[in-house]
N, C-alpha and C. Protein backbone atom coordinates (compact mmCIF):
# COMPACT_ATOMS: atom_id res chain seq x y z
N MET A 1 82.44 300.06 -82.99
CA MET A 1 82.36 301.48 -83.24
C MET A 1 82.00 302.26 -81.97
N PHE A 2 80.96 301.80 -81.24
CA PHE A 2 80.55 302.54 -80.06
C PHE A 2 81.34 302.14 -78.81
N GLY A 3 81.75 300.90 -78.72
CA GLY A 3 82.51 300.43 -77.56
C GLY A 3 81.68 300.48 -76.30
N GLY A 4 82.32 300.35 -75.17
CA GLY A 4 81.66 300.46 -73.87
C GLY A 4 80.52 299.48 -73.70
N ILE A 5 79.42 299.98 -73.17
CA ILE A 5 78.29 299.11 -72.85
C ILE A 5 77.61 298.55 -74.09
N PHE A 6 77.76 299.22 -75.23
CA PHE A 6 77.10 298.74 -76.44
C PHE A 6 77.79 297.52 -77.03
N SER A 7 79.05 297.34 -76.73
CA SER A 7 79.79 296.23 -77.31
C SER A 7 79.75 294.98 -76.43
N ARG A 8 79.28 295.11 -75.19
CA ARG A 8 79.24 293.96 -74.30
C ARG A 8 77.85 293.35 -74.28
N ARG A 9 77.83 292.10 -74.09
CA ARG A 9 76.57 291.40 -73.97
C ARG A 9 76.23 291.34 -72.48
N ARG A 10 75.02 291.73 -72.12
CA ARG A 10 74.62 291.74 -70.71
C ARG A 10 74.18 290.36 -70.28
N ARG A 11 74.56 290.01 -69.09
CA ARG A 11 74.12 288.76 -68.49
C ARG A 11 73.18 289.09 -67.34
N HIS A 12 72.08 288.41 -67.30
CA HIS A 12 71.12 288.62 -66.22
C HIS A 12 71.28 287.49 -65.22
N SER A 13 71.41 287.85 -63.98
CA SER A 13 71.53 286.84 -62.95
C SER A 13 70.58 287.19 -61.81
N LEU A 14 70.34 286.24 -60.97
CA LEU A 14 69.49 286.46 -59.81
C LEU A 14 70.22 287.37 -58.83
N PRO A 15 69.45 288.18 -58.08
CA PRO A 15 70.09 289.03 -57.08
C PRO A 15 70.78 288.18 -56.01
N SER A 16 71.81 288.73 -55.45
CA SER A 16 72.55 288.02 -54.41
C SER A 16 71.66 287.85 -53.18
N ALA A 17 72.07 286.94 -52.32
CA ALA A 17 71.32 286.69 -51.08
C ALA A 17 71.26 287.96 -50.23
N GLU A 18 72.33 288.71 -50.21
CA GLU A 18 72.38 289.95 -49.44
C GLU A 18 71.40 290.98 -50.00
N LEU A 19 71.34 291.09 -51.31
CA LEU A 19 70.41 292.02 -51.94
C LEU A 19 68.97 291.60 -51.68
N ARG A 20 68.69 290.30 -51.78
CA ARG A 20 67.34 289.82 -51.50
C ARG A 20 66.95 290.12 -50.06
N GLN A 21 67.89 289.96 -49.14
CA GLN A 21 67.61 290.25 -47.73
C GLN A 21 67.33 291.75 -47.55
N ASP A 22 68.11 292.59 -48.20
CA ASP A 22 67.89 294.04 -48.12
C ASP A 22 66.53 294.42 -48.70
N LEU A 23 66.15 293.80 -49.80
CA LEU A 23 64.85 294.07 -50.41
C LEU A 23 63.72 293.62 -49.49
N LEU A 24 63.90 292.52 -48.82
CA LEU A 24 62.90 292.04 -47.87
C LEU A 24 62.76 293.02 -46.71
N LYS A 25 63.88 293.50 -46.18
CA LYS A 25 63.84 294.47 -45.09
C LYS A 25 63.13 295.75 -45.54
N LEU A 26 63.44 296.21 -46.74
CA LEU A 26 62.80 297.41 -47.27
C LEU A 26 61.30 297.20 -47.42
N SER A 27 60.91 296.03 -47.91
CA SER A 27 59.49 295.72 -48.06
C SER A 27 58.78 295.74 -46.72
N VAL A 28 59.41 295.19 -45.70
CA VAL A 28 58.82 295.19 -44.36
C VAL A 28 58.65 296.62 -43.86
N LEU A 29 59.66 297.46 -44.07
CA LEU A 29 59.56 298.86 -43.65
C LEU A 29 58.43 299.59 -44.37
N VAL A 30 58.27 299.31 -45.65
CA VAL A 30 57.19 299.94 -46.41
C VAL A 30 55.84 299.51 -45.85
N VAL A 31 55.70 298.23 -45.57
CA VAL A 31 54.44 297.73 -45.00
C VAL A 31 54.18 298.36 -43.64
N ILE A 32 55.22 298.52 -42.83
CA ILE A 32 55.06 299.15 -41.52
C ILE A 32 54.60 300.60 -41.68
N ARG A 33 55.24 301.32 -42.61
CA ARG A 33 54.86 302.73 -42.83
C ARG A 33 53.41 302.84 -43.31
N ILE A 34 53.00 301.94 -44.17
CA ILE A 34 51.61 301.94 -44.64
C ILE A 34 50.68 301.70 -43.46
N GLY A 35 51.07 300.77 -42.58
CA GLY A 35 50.27 300.50 -41.39
C GLY A 35 50.17 301.72 -40.49
N ILE A 36 51.25 302.46 -40.38
CA ILE A 36 51.25 303.67 -39.55
C ILE A 36 50.29 304.70 -40.12
N VAL A 37 50.36 304.91 -41.41
CA VAL A 37 49.46 305.88 -42.05
C VAL A 37 48.01 305.44 -41.84
N CYS A 38 47.74 304.16 -42.00
CA CYS A 38 46.38 303.65 -41.78
C CYS A 38 45.93 303.88 -40.34
N ALA A 39 46.84 303.68 -39.40
CA ALA A 39 46.51 303.89 -37.99
C ALA A 39 46.16 305.35 -37.72
N ILE A 40 46.90 306.24 -38.34
CA ILE A 40 46.65 307.67 -38.16
C ILE A 40 45.32 308.06 -38.77
N LEU A 41 45.08 307.55 -39.96
CA LEU A 41 43.81 307.87 -40.61
C LEU A 41 42.64 307.31 -39.83
N SER A 42 42.80 306.15 -39.24
CA SER A 42 41.71 305.57 -38.46
C SER A 42 41.47 306.35 -37.17
N SER A 43 42.53 306.91 -36.58
CA SER A 43 42.33 307.70 -35.37
C SER A 43 41.61 309.01 -35.67
N ALA A 44 41.73 309.47 -36.91
CA ALA A 44 41.04 310.70 -37.29
C ALA A 44 39.53 310.50 -37.33
N SER A 45 39.10 309.27 -37.40
CA SER A 45 37.66 309.00 -37.48
C SER A 45 37.04 308.77 -36.11
N ALA A 46 37.72 309.18 -35.05
CA ALA A 46 37.23 308.93 -33.69
C ALA A 46 35.86 309.54 -33.45
N GLN A 47 35.63 310.74 -33.94
CA GLN A 47 34.33 311.38 -33.72
C GLN A 47 33.22 310.61 -34.42
N THR A 48 33.51 310.10 -35.61
CA THR A 48 32.51 309.31 -36.33
C THR A 48 32.21 308.04 -35.56
N LYS A 49 33.25 307.39 -35.04
CA LYS A 49 33.06 306.17 -34.26
C LYS A 49 32.20 306.46 -33.03
N GLU A 50 32.53 307.56 -32.36
CA GLU A 50 31.79 307.90 -31.16
C GLU A 50 30.32 308.17 -31.49
N ALA A 51 30.05 308.86 -32.59
CA ALA A 51 28.69 309.15 -33.00
C ALA A 51 27.93 307.87 -33.35
N ASN A 52 28.63 306.88 -33.87
CA ASN A 52 28.00 305.61 -34.22
C ASN A 52 27.96 304.63 -33.06
N GLY A 53 28.46 305.03 -31.90
CA GLY A 53 28.46 304.16 -30.75
C GLY A 53 29.56 303.11 -30.78
N GLU A 54 30.54 303.26 -31.66
CA GLU A 54 31.64 302.30 -31.75
C GLU A 54 32.69 302.64 -30.70
N PRO A 55 33.43 301.62 -30.23
CA PRO A 55 34.49 301.90 -29.24
C PRO A 55 35.63 302.70 -29.87
N LEU A 56 36.22 303.56 -29.07
CA LEU A 56 37.34 304.38 -29.52
C LEU A 56 38.65 303.73 -29.11
N HIS A 57 39.71 304.06 -29.82
CA HIS A 57 41.06 303.64 -29.44
C HIS A 57 41.42 304.38 -28.16
N SER A 58 42.25 303.79 -27.32
CA SER A 58 42.61 304.43 -26.06
C SER A 58 43.25 305.79 -26.28
N TRP A 59 43.99 305.96 -27.40
CA TRP A 59 44.60 307.25 -27.69
C TRP A 59 43.53 308.30 -27.92
N ASP A 60 42.46 307.93 -28.63
CA ASP A 60 41.37 308.87 -28.89
C ASP A 60 40.74 309.34 -27.58
N VAL A 61 40.57 308.41 -26.67
CA VAL A 61 39.97 308.74 -25.38
C VAL A 61 40.88 309.67 -24.59
N SER A 62 42.17 309.36 -24.53
CA SER A 62 43.08 310.18 -23.74
C SER A 62 43.20 311.59 -24.29
N MET A 63 43.09 311.76 -25.60
CA MET A 63 43.18 313.10 -26.18
C MET A 63 41.91 313.91 -25.93
N GLN A 64 40.83 313.24 -25.52
CA GLN A 64 39.57 313.93 -25.25
C GLN A 64 39.32 314.09 -23.76
N ASP A 65 40.30 313.78 -22.94
CA ASP A 65 40.17 313.85 -21.49
C ASP A 65 40.12 315.31 -21.06
N PRO A 66 38.97 315.78 -20.58
CA PRO A 66 38.85 317.20 -20.21
C PRO A 66 39.82 317.62 -19.11
N ALA A 67 40.09 316.72 -18.16
CA ALA A 67 41.01 317.07 -17.07
C ALA A 67 42.42 317.29 -17.61
N ALA A 68 42.86 316.43 -18.54
CA ALA A 68 44.19 316.58 -19.12
C ALA A 68 44.27 317.86 -19.95
N THR A 69 43.23 318.13 -20.72
CA THR A 69 43.21 319.34 -21.54
C THR A 69 43.21 320.58 -20.66
N SER A 70 42.44 320.54 -19.59
CA SER A 70 42.38 321.68 -18.67
C SER A 70 43.75 321.94 -18.03
N ALA A 71 44.40 320.89 -17.57
CA ALA A 71 45.72 321.04 -16.95
C ALA A 71 46.76 321.50 -17.97
N ALA A 72 46.61 321.04 -19.21
CA ALA A 72 47.58 321.36 -20.25
C ALA A 72 47.55 322.84 -20.62
N LYS A 73 46.41 323.49 -20.46
CA LYS A 73 46.29 324.91 -20.82
C LYS A 73 47.24 325.78 -20.01
N PHE A 74 47.59 325.34 -18.82
CA PHE A 74 48.48 326.12 -17.96
C PHE A 74 49.96 325.87 -18.25
N LEU A 75 50.23 324.91 -19.13
CA LEU A 75 51.63 324.54 -19.41
C LEU A 75 52.11 325.03 -20.77
N SER A 76 51.34 325.80 -21.45
CA SER A 76 51.69 326.22 -22.81
C SER A 76 53.15 326.65 -22.91
N GLY A 77 53.87 325.98 -23.80
CA GLY A 77 55.28 326.26 -23.99
C GLY A 77 56.20 325.50 -23.05
N HIS A 78 55.61 324.80 -22.08
CA HIS A 78 56.39 324.04 -21.10
C HIS A 78 55.80 322.64 -20.93
N CYS A 79 55.52 321.99 -22.04
CA CYS A 79 54.85 320.69 -22.01
C CYS A 79 55.66 319.62 -21.29
N GLY A 80 56.97 319.76 -21.27
CA GLY A 80 57.82 318.79 -20.58
C GLY A 80 57.61 318.78 -19.07
N ASP A 81 56.95 319.81 -18.55
CA ASP A 81 56.70 319.89 -17.11
C ASP A 81 55.38 319.22 -16.71
N ALA A 82 54.74 318.55 -17.64
CA ALA A 82 53.44 317.93 -17.35
C ALA A 82 53.57 316.86 -16.27
N GLU A 83 52.50 316.70 -15.51
CA GLU A 83 52.50 315.73 -14.41
C GLU A 83 52.33 314.30 -14.87
N ASN A 84 51.77 314.10 -16.07
CA ASN A 84 51.62 312.74 -16.60
C ASN A 84 51.56 312.79 -18.13
N GLN A 85 51.55 311.63 -18.74
CA GLN A 85 51.62 311.56 -20.20
C GLN A 85 50.37 312.13 -20.87
N ALA A 86 49.20 311.92 -20.29
CA ALA A 86 47.97 312.44 -20.89
C ALA A 86 48.00 313.97 -20.95
N VAL A 87 48.48 314.59 -19.89
CA VAL A 87 48.58 316.06 -19.86
C VAL A 87 49.63 316.53 -20.87
N MET A 88 50.75 315.80 -20.94
CA MET A 88 51.80 316.17 -21.90
C MET A 88 51.28 316.07 -23.34
N ASN A 89 50.57 315.00 -23.64
CA ASN A 89 50.00 314.83 -24.98
C ASN A 89 49.05 315.97 -25.30
N ALA A 90 48.16 316.28 -24.36
CA ALA A 90 47.19 317.36 -24.57
C ALA A 90 47.90 318.70 -24.71
N CYS A 91 48.95 318.91 -23.96
CA CYS A 91 49.72 320.16 -24.03
C CYS A 91 50.33 320.35 -25.42
N TRP A 92 50.98 319.31 -25.94
CA TRP A 92 51.58 319.42 -27.27
C TRP A 92 50.52 319.65 -28.33
N LYS A 93 49.36 319.03 -28.17
CA LYS A 93 48.25 319.25 -29.12
C LYS A 93 47.81 320.71 -29.08
N LEU A 94 47.65 321.24 -27.87
CA LEU A 94 47.24 322.65 -27.74
C LEU A 94 48.30 323.59 -28.29
N ASP A 95 49.58 323.31 -28.01
CA ASP A 95 50.67 324.15 -28.54
C ASP A 95 50.67 324.12 -30.06
N TYR A 96 50.50 322.93 -30.63
CA TYR A 96 50.44 322.82 -32.09
C TYR A 96 49.24 323.59 -32.64
N ASP A 97 48.07 323.44 -32.02
CA ASP A 97 46.88 324.15 -32.50
C ASP A 97 47.11 325.66 -32.51
N SER A 98 47.75 326.16 -31.46
CA SER A 98 48.05 327.59 -31.37
C SER A 98 49.05 328.01 -32.46
N ALA A 99 50.10 327.22 -32.64
CA ALA A 99 51.09 327.52 -33.68
C ALA A 99 50.46 327.48 -35.07
N ASN A 100 49.55 326.55 -35.27
CA ASN A 100 48.89 326.43 -36.56
C ASN A 100 47.99 327.64 -36.83
N ARG A 101 47.29 328.14 -35.80
CA ARG A 101 46.49 329.35 -35.97
C ARG A 101 47.39 330.54 -36.32
N ASP A 102 48.54 330.65 -35.65
CA ASP A 102 49.49 331.73 -35.95
C ASP A 102 50.02 331.62 -37.37
N LEU A 103 50.33 330.40 -37.80
CA LEU A 103 50.80 330.19 -39.18
C LEU A 103 49.74 330.58 -40.19
N THR A 104 48.51 330.20 -39.93
CA THR A 104 47.41 330.55 -40.84
C THR A 104 47.26 332.06 -40.95
N ALA A 105 47.36 332.75 -39.83
CA ALA A 105 47.27 334.22 -39.84
C ALA A 105 48.42 334.82 -40.64
N SER A 106 49.64 334.31 -40.44
CA SER A 106 50.80 334.82 -41.20
C SER A 106 50.63 334.57 -42.69
N PHE A 107 50.13 333.40 -43.03
CA PHE A 107 49.94 333.06 -44.44
C PHE A 107 48.89 333.98 -45.07
N HIS A 108 47.82 334.25 -44.36
CA HIS A 108 46.79 335.15 -44.89
C HIS A 108 47.32 336.58 -45.03
N ARG A 109 48.16 337.02 -44.10
CA ARG A 109 48.78 338.35 -44.24
C ARG A 109 49.66 338.40 -45.49
N LEU A 110 50.41 337.35 -45.71
CA LEU A 110 51.27 337.27 -46.89
C LEU A 110 50.43 337.30 -48.16
N LEU A 111 49.35 336.52 -48.19
CA LEU A 111 48.50 336.48 -49.38
C LEU A 111 47.86 337.83 -49.68
N THR A 112 47.38 338.50 -48.65
CA THR A 112 46.71 339.78 -48.89
C THR A 112 47.68 340.85 -49.38
N ALA A 113 48.96 340.68 -49.09
CA ALA A 113 49.96 341.65 -49.55
C ALA A 113 50.35 341.39 -51.01
N LEU A 114 50.00 340.24 -51.55
CA LEU A 114 50.37 339.89 -52.93
C LEU A 114 49.29 340.30 -53.92
N PRO A 115 49.69 340.64 -55.15
CA PRO A 115 48.69 340.84 -56.20
C PRO A 115 47.93 339.52 -56.44
N SER A 116 46.69 339.60 -56.81
CA SER A 116 45.85 338.40 -56.93
C SER A 116 46.41 337.36 -57.89
N GLU A 117 47.10 337.80 -58.95
CA GLU A 117 47.65 336.84 -59.91
C GLU A 117 48.85 336.06 -59.36
N GLU A 118 49.43 336.51 -58.25
CA GLU A 118 50.58 335.81 -57.66
C GLU A 118 50.18 334.90 -56.49
N ARG A 119 48.90 334.85 -56.16
CA ARG A 119 48.47 334.09 -54.99
C ARG A 119 48.38 332.59 -55.23
N ALA A 120 47.96 332.16 -56.39
CA ALA A 120 47.74 330.73 -56.65
C ALA A 120 48.98 329.88 -56.38
N PRO A 121 50.16 330.29 -56.86
CA PRO A 121 51.34 329.46 -56.56
C PRO A 121 51.61 329.34 -55.05
N TRP A 122 51.35 330.41 -54.31
CA TRP A 122 51.56 330.37 -52.86
C TRP A 122 50.57 329.43 -52.19
N VAL A 123 49.32 329.47 -52.63
CA VAL A 123 48.30 328.57 -52.07
C VAL A 123 48.67 327.12 -52.36
N ASN A 124 49.10 326.84 -53.58
CA ASN A 124 49.50 325.48 -53.95
C ASN A 124 50.71 325.03 -53.14
N ALA A 125 51.68 325.92 -52.98
CA ALA A 125 52.88 325.58 -52.21
C ALA A 125 52.54 325.31 -50.74
N GLU A 126 51.66 326.12 -50.18
CA GLU A 126 51.29 325.93 -48.77
C GLU A 126 50.52 324.62 -48.58
N SER A 127 49.65 324.30 -49.52
CA SER A 127 48.92 323.02 -49.44
C SER A 127 49.89 321.84 -49.51
N ALA A 128 50.86 321.93 -50.39
CA ALA A 128 51.87 320.87 -50.50
C ALA A 128 52.70 320.79 -49.22
N TRP A 129 53.05 321.94 -48.64
CA TRP A 129 53.84 321.94 -47.42
C TRP A 129 53.05 321.31 -46.26
N ILE A 130 51.77 321.58 -46.18
CA ILE A 130 50.93 321.01 -45.12
C ILE A 130 50.90 319.49 -45.23
N ARG A 131 50.77 318.97 -46.45
CA ARG A 131 50.81 317.51 -46.65
C ARG A 131 52.18 316.96 -46.25
N PHE A 132 53.24 317.66 -46.66
CA PHE A 132 54.60 317.24 -46.31
C PHE A 132 54.79 317.22 -44.80
N ARG A 133 54.33 318.27 -44.13
CA ARG A 133 54.48 318.37 -42.67
C ARG A 133 53.84 317.16 -41.98
N ARG A 134 52.63 316.85 -42.37
CA ARG A 134 51.92 315.72 -41.77
C ARG A 134 52.68 314.41 -42.00
N LEU A 135 53.08 314.17 -43.24
CA LEU A 135 53.78 312.92 -43.56
C LEU A 135 55.15 312.85 -42.87
N GLU A 136 55.84 313.95 -42.81
CA GLU A 136 57.14 314.00 -42.14
C GLU A 136 56.98 313.65 -40.65
N CYS A 137 55.96 314.20 -40.02
CA CYS A 137 55.77 313.94 -38.60
C CYS A 137 55.26 312.52 -38.35
N VAL A 138 54.48 312.00 -39.26
CA VAL A 138 54.07 310.59 -39.15
C VAL A 138 55.31 309.70 -39.21
N ALA A 139 56.17 309.97 -40.17
CA ALA A 139 57.38 309.15 -40.32
C ALA A 139 58.32 309.30 -39.13
N SER A 140 58.51 310.52 -38.66
CA SER A 140 59.48 310.73 -37.57
C SER A 140 58.98 310.20 -36.23
N SER A 141 57.68 310.02 -36.09
CA SER A 141 57.14 309.52 -34.82
C SER A 141 56.69 308.07 -34.92
N SER A 142 57.04 307.41 -36.01
CA SER A 142 56.53 306.06 -36.28
C SER A 142 56.98 305.02 -35.26
N ASP A 143 58.10 305.25 -34.59
CA ASP A 143 58.57 304.27 -33.59
C ASP A 143 57.60 304.12 -32.43
N GLY A 144 56.87 305.18 -32.13
CA GLY A 144 56.00 305.14 -30.96
C GLY A 144 54.54 304.89 -31.24
N VAL A 145 54.17 304.57 -32.47
CA VAL A 145 52.75 304.39 -32.81
C VAL A 145 52.13 303.33 -31.91
N GLY A 146 50.98 303.68 -31.37
CA GLY A 146 50.27 302.76 -30.49
C GLY A 146 50.60 302.96 -29.02
N GLY A 147 51.70 303.63 -28.74
CA GLY A 147 52.10 303.87 -27.36
C GLY A 147 51.58 305.19 -26.84
N SER A 148 51.67 305.39 -25.55
CA SER A 148 51.16 306.62 -24.95
C SER A 148 52.01 307.83 -25.29
N LEU A 149 53.26 307.62 -25.69
CA LEU A 149 54.15 308.73 -26.02
C LEU A 149 53.95 309.23 -27.45
N TRP A 150 53.32 308.43 -28.30
CA TRP A 150 53.20 308.80 -29.70
C TRP A 150 52.57 310.17 -29.93
N PRO A 151 51.46 310.52 -29.27
CA PRO A 151 50.90 311.86 -29.52
C PRO A 151 51.89 312.99 -29.21
N THR A 152 52.70 312.82 -28.17
CA THR A 152 53.69 313.83 -27.84
C THR A 152 54.72 313.95 -28.97
N GLU A 153 55.21 312.82 -29.46
CA GLU A 153 56.18 312.85 -30.56
C GLU A 153 55.57 313.49 -31.81
N TYR A 154 54.36 313.09 -32.14
CA TYR A 154 53.70 313.58 -33.34
C TYR A 154 53.40 315.08 -33.25
N TYR A 155 52.74 315.50 -32.17
CA TYR A 155 52.35 316.90 -32.07
C TYR A 155 53.53 317.83 -31.81
N SER A 156 54.57 317.35 -31.13
CA SER A 156 55.74 318.22 -30.96
C SER A 156 56.44 318.41 -32.30
N CYS A 157 56.44 317.39 -33.14
CA CYS A 157 57.00 317.54 -34.50
C CYS A 157 56.18 318.56 -35.29
N LEU A 158 54.84 318.40 -35.26
CA LEU A 158 53.98 319.36 -35.97
C LEU A 158 54.20 320.78 -35.45
N ASP A 159 54.32 320.91 -34.14
CA ASP A 159 54.52 322.22 -33.52
C ASP A 159 55.83 322.85 -33.99
N ASP A 160 56.92 322.08 -33.95
CA ASP A 160 58.22 322.60 -34.38
C ASP A 160 58.22 323.01 -35.85
N MET A 161 57.68 322.15 -36.70
CA MET A 161 57.67 322.45 -38.13
C MET A 161 56.79 323.66 -38.44
N THR A 162 55.67 323.77 -37.73
CA THR A 162 54.74 324.88 -37.95
C THR A 162 55.37 326.20 -37.53
N LYS A 163 56.03 326.21 -36.39
CA LYS A 163 56.69 327.44 -35.93
C LYS A 163 57.82 327.85 -36.88
N SER A 164 58.54 326.89 -37.39
CA SER A 164 59.61 327.17 -38.35
C SER A 164 59.04 327.75 -39.65
N ARG A 165 57.95 327.17 -40.12
CA ARG A 165 57.31 327.66 -41.35
C ARG A 165 56.78 329.08 -41.15
N LYS A 166 56.18 329.35 -40.00
CA LYS A 166 55.68 330.70 -39.72
C LYS A 166 56.81 331.71 -39.75
N LYS A 167 57.93 331.33 -39.14
CA LYS A 167 59.10 332.22 -39.13
C LYS A 167 59.56 332.50 -40.57
N ASP A 168 59.59 331.47 -41.40
CA ASP A 168 59.98 331.66 -42.81
C ASP A 168 59.02 332.60 -43.53
N LEU A 169 57.71 332.40 -43.31
CA LEU A 169 56.73 333.25 -43.99
C LEU A 169 56.80 334.69 -43.49
N ASP A 170 57.04 334.86 -42.20
CA ASP A 170 57.11 336.21 -41.62
C ASP A 170 58.30 337.01 -42.15
N GLN A 171 59.33 336.31 -42.62
CA GLN A 171 60.53 336.99 -43.16
C GLN A 171 60.35 337.42 -44.60
N ARG A 172 59.27 337.06 -45.23
CA ARG A 172 59.05 337.40 -46.64
C ARG A 172 58.38 338.75 -46.77
């Protein structure tokens, strides 16, 4: 009466060798991504480590280098012209911090222009976008995790996405 899939008896078989290999590759990628997220979260605890007298990761130290940060302040918007990787990393971090402050100001201007009953969805959407931005940049810079170039990849991604989001909010 029904025909099609209802009239056939399903046979269950083991996945092919090719499918098993693909599943194994996917599992490895998932484990790598989890490791990347853990590495990022652990680097966020650098100040706590320092306060407890624990050694910092070399990336944490390079991002706190006053000489690199000082030199980076003069390169705003031209981070590719940095004299070394530490300065370039610090430059992208400073550019991102500036873009993030601008985005926050734009978002607050947008919120104040809205009636109070329309603000909650915007706050929820912005919170979700901030989580997305972080995860997107973690994923897109995952090839360089642990290397000296990783902060540049990560912060330049954050900077680009933040500037794009600000532009979108400013058009509303």
